[in-house]
Amino acid sequence: MTNKPGKMKALRGARTPTDDEVQKALGERIRHIRERKGYSQRDLAVACGLSLAGLQQIEYGNANPSLDTLIGLSKGLETTIHKMLQGID
C-alpha cells in the first residue's frame, strides 16, 4: 500500500484524527519515502541505529517513535522531519 496524497487529505477532514490514525499515517509516510529512495528496511534500520523489528513496528503504525528516533529516520532518509510529517494532522 503506497502513501497517496489523498489519504493524507482524508485525515485533514472536519474531525481530528486519532493518535492511532496519525501513527499509521506516519508509518506509511516513512515506508513510502524509504521505498522511493530504494532502501531496504534493514539498510534504513542500520543507518538509523534501530533494530529491524523496531523500524517495522514504526512502519506498520504499531510504535510511536520518539523525537530522537524521528531525527535519526530523517537523517537516514535524507529528508526533514517537516517533510515526514507534512500533511499528517
Protein backbone atom coordinates (compact mmCIF):
# COMPACT_ATOMS: atom_id res chain seq x y z
CA MET A 1 0.00 0.00 0.00
CA THR A 2 1.55 3.30 -1.03
CA ASN A 3 1.01 6.57 0.70
CA LYS A 4 -1.04 8.70 -1.65
CA PRO A 5 -1.65 12.41 -1.08
CA GLY A 6 -5.40 11.82 -0.99
CA LYS A 7 -5.02 9.58 2.03
CA MET A 8 -3.36 12.37 3.98
CA LYS A 9 -6.08 14.81 2.91
CA ALA A 10 -8.69 12.39 4.22
CA LEU A 11 -7.12 12.71 7.65
CA ARG A 12 -7.45 16.50 7.44
CA GLY A 13 -11.25 16.42 7.30
CA ALA A 14 -13.60 18.04 9.81
CA ARG A 15 -12.59 15.80 12.70
CA THR A 16 -9.28 15.44 14.45
CA PRO A 17 -7.58 12.13 13.62
CA THR A 18 -6.92 9.73 16.46
CA ASP A 19 -3.41 9.05 17.69
CA ASP A 20 -3.58 5.61 16.05
CA GLU A 21 -4.50 7.15 12.69
CA VAL A 22 -1.63 9.62 12.91
CA GLN A 23 0.77 6.84 13.91
CA LYS A 24 -0.34 4.69 10.96
CA ALA A 25 -0.12 7.64 8.52
CA LEU A 26 3.39 8.47 9.76
CA GLY A 27 4.47 4.84 9.36
CA GLU A 28 3.09 4.76 5.82
CA ARG A 29 4.89 8.01 5.01
CA ILE A 30 8.21 6.67 6.32
CA ARG A 31 7.76 3.45 4.32
CA HIS A 32 6.85 5.43 1.19
CA ILE A 33 9.94 7.65 1.45
CA ARG A 34 12.16 4.62 2.16
CA GLU A 35 10.83 2.70 -0.83
CA ARG A 36 11.06 5.74 -3.11
CA LYS A 37 14.73 6.08 -2.19
CA GLY A 38 15.31 2.36 -2.79
CA TYR A 39 16.37 1.49 0.76
CA SER A 40 15.57 -1.84 2.34
CA GLN A 41 14.16 -1.89 5.85
CA ARG A 42 17.42 -3.45 7.05
CA ASP A 43 19.54 -0.71 5.41
CA LEU A 44 17.48 2.06 6.96
CA ALA A 45 17.38 0.41 10.38
CA VAL A 46 21.19 0.10 10.40
CA ALA A 47 21.63 3.70 9.21
CA CYS A 48 19.34 4.97 11.98
CA GLY A 49 20.58 2.72 14.77
CA LEU A 50 17.24 0.94 15.05
CA SER A 51 16.53 -2.75 15.17
CA LEU A 52 14.82 -4.16 12.10
CA ALA A 53 11.82 -5.09 14.26
CA GLY A 54 11.70 -1.56 15.67
CA LEU A 55 11.60 0.01 12.21
CA GLN A 56 8.95 -2.48 11.09
CA GLN A 57 6.78 -1.59 14.08
CA ILE A 58 7.06 2.12 13.18
CA GLU A 59 6.24 1.49 9.51
CA TYR A 60 3.24 -0.68 10.41
CA GLY A 61 1.96 2.06 12.73
CA ASN A 62 2.37 -0.08 15.84
CA ALA A 63 5.01 2.07 17.54
CA ASN A 64 5.13 5.74 18.40
CA PRO A 65 8.66 6.95 17.53
CA SER A 66 10.38 9.40 19.86
CA LEU A 67 11.76 12.71 18.64
CA ASP A 68 15.26 11.21 18.69
CA THR A 69 14.05 8.34 16.51
CA LEU A 70 12.36 10.76 14.08
CA ILE A 71 15.59 12.75 13.85
CA GLY A 72 17.52 9.54 13.10
CA LEU A 73 14.98 8.47 10.50
CA SER A 74 15.05 11.86 8.80
CA LYS A 75 18.85 11.69 8.57
CA GLY A 76 18.77 8.10 7.33
CA LEU A 77 16.16 9.00 4.72
CA GLU A 78 17.99 12.21 3.78
CA THR A 79 14.88 14.30 4.36
CA THR A 80 13.50 16.59 7.03
CA ILE A 81 11.15 15.84 9.88
CA HIS A 82 8.89 18.50 8.40
CA LYS A 83 8.58 16.55 5.13
CA MET A 84 7.98 13.32 7.05
CA LEU A 85 5.12 14.94 8.99
CA GLN A 86 3.76 17.26 6.29
CA GLY A 87 0.03 16.77 5.86
CA ILE A 88 -0.33 14.49 8.86
CA ASP A 89 -2.54 16.43 11.28
